[in-house]
Protein backbone atom coordinates (compact mmCIF):
# COMPACT_ATOMS: atom_id res chain seq x y z
CA MET A 1 -74.21 119.30 6.56
CA GLN A 2 -75.44 121.20 9.61
CA GLN A 3 -73.31 119.10 11.98
CA LEU A 4 -70.21 119.76 9.88
CA LEU A 5 -70.97 123.49 9.72
CA ILE A 6 -71.41 123.66 13.50
CA GLU A 7 -68.08 121.90 13.96
CA ARG A 8 -66.35 124.25 11.51
CA PHE A 9 -67.90 127.30 13.19
CA GLN A 10 -66.86 126.00 16.61
CA ASN A 11 -63.27 125.61 15.39
CA TYR A 12 -63.41 129.10 13.90
CA LEU A 13 -64.49 130.57 17.23
CA LEU A 14 -61.71 128.76 19.09
CA ASP A 15 -59.04 129.79 16.59
CA SER A 16 -60.25 133.34 15.94
CA GLY A 17 -58.67 134.99 18.95
CA LEU A 18 -62.04 136.49 19.92
CA SER A 19 -62.92 136.78 23.59
CA THR A 20 -65.98 137.55 25.70
CA GLY A 21 -67.71 140.73 24.51
CA ASP A 22 -66.08 140.74 21.07
CA PRO A 23 -68.39 140.92 18.06
CA ILE A 24 -68.28 138.16 15.48
CA PRO A 25 -68.36 139.00 11.75
CA LYS A 26 -71.72 139.71 10.12
CA GLU A 27 -73.82 136.83 8.85
CA ILE A 28 -73.10 137.64 5.22
CA GLU A 29 -69.35 137.64 5.86
CA LEU A 30 -69.53 134.34 7.72
CA ALA A 31 -71.67 132.80 4.98
CA GLU A 32 -69.04 133.76 2.41
CA MET A 33 -66.22 132.54 4.66
CA PHE A 34 -67.85 129.13 5.18
CA GLU A 35 -69.28 129.00 1.63
CA VAL A 36 -72.85 128.39 2.85
CA SER A 37 -76.10 130.28 2.64
CA ARG A 38 -76.87 133.11 5.02
CA SER A 39 -79.79 131.14 6.44
CA ASP A 40 -77.47 128.21 7.24
CA ILE A 41 -75.06 130.44 9.14
CA ARG A 42 -77.99 132.16 10.87
CA GLU A 43 -79.16 128.76 12.18
CA VAL A 44 -75.69 127.99 13.52
CA ILE A 45 -75.46 131.38 15.23
CA GLN A 46 -78.92 130.86 16.69
CA HIS A 47 -77.85 127.44 17.99
CA PHE A 48 -74.87 128.94 19.82
CA ALA A 49 -76.99 131.84 21.09
CA GLN A 50 -79.61 129.49 22.53
CA LEU A 51 -76.84 127.73 24.42
CA GLY A 52 -75.61 131.03 25.85
CA LEU A 53 -72.32 131.13 23.96
CA LEU A 54 -73.26 134.01 21.67
CA LYS A 55 -75.55 136.95 22.28
CA ARG A 56 -77.36 139.10 19.74
CA VAL A 57 -77.12 142.77 20.70
CA LYS A 58 -79.27 145.34 18.95
CA LYS A 59 -77.22 147.72 16.78
CA ARG A 60 -74.03 145.88 17.71
CA GLY A 61 -74.48 142.50 16.08
CA THR A 62 -73.65 139.18 17.66
CA VAL A 63 -71.06 139.09 20.42
CA ILE A 64 -69.24 136.36 22.28
CA GLN A 65 -70.95 135.71 25.59
CA GLU A 66 -68.90 132.72 26.71
CA LEU A 67 -65.98 131.30 24.79
CA ASN A 68 -64.05 128.39 26.12
CA GLU A 69 -63.38 124.96 24.77
CA ASP A 70 -65.48 123.16 27.39
CA ALA A 71 -68.57 125.26 26.65
CA LEU A 72 -68.14 124.80 22.91
CA ASN A 73 -67.69 121.05 23.27
CA ARG A 74 -70.88 120.86 25.36
CA SER A 75 -72.75 122.75 22.65
CA PHE A 76 -71.50 120.46 19.91
CA CYS A 77 -72.32 117.41 21.99
CA PHE A 78 -75.81 118.78 22.59
CA PHE A 79 -76.36 119.17 18.85
CA ILE A 80 -75.39 115.58 18.06
CA PHE A 81 -77.07 114.21 21.22
CA CYS A 82 -74.00 112.91 23.07
CA SER A 83 -74.45 111.27 26.43
């Protein structure tokens, strides 16, 4: 489930038209969009934040720190332990 959600979220980021510095929707909105719990989406956001792709900014939410297909593919590969 988590692997599929990460892949879906990755595709969302690529297709969203968002760029560096843009905020992503709130956790509750993303949870509804992906039809998962808020805690599930929080884990996915945290995963991308730990890899430096997203950044949590106080009073602003979560923003795109780096958004390109190579970086997202590395993050997905990291999650599923690619070589």
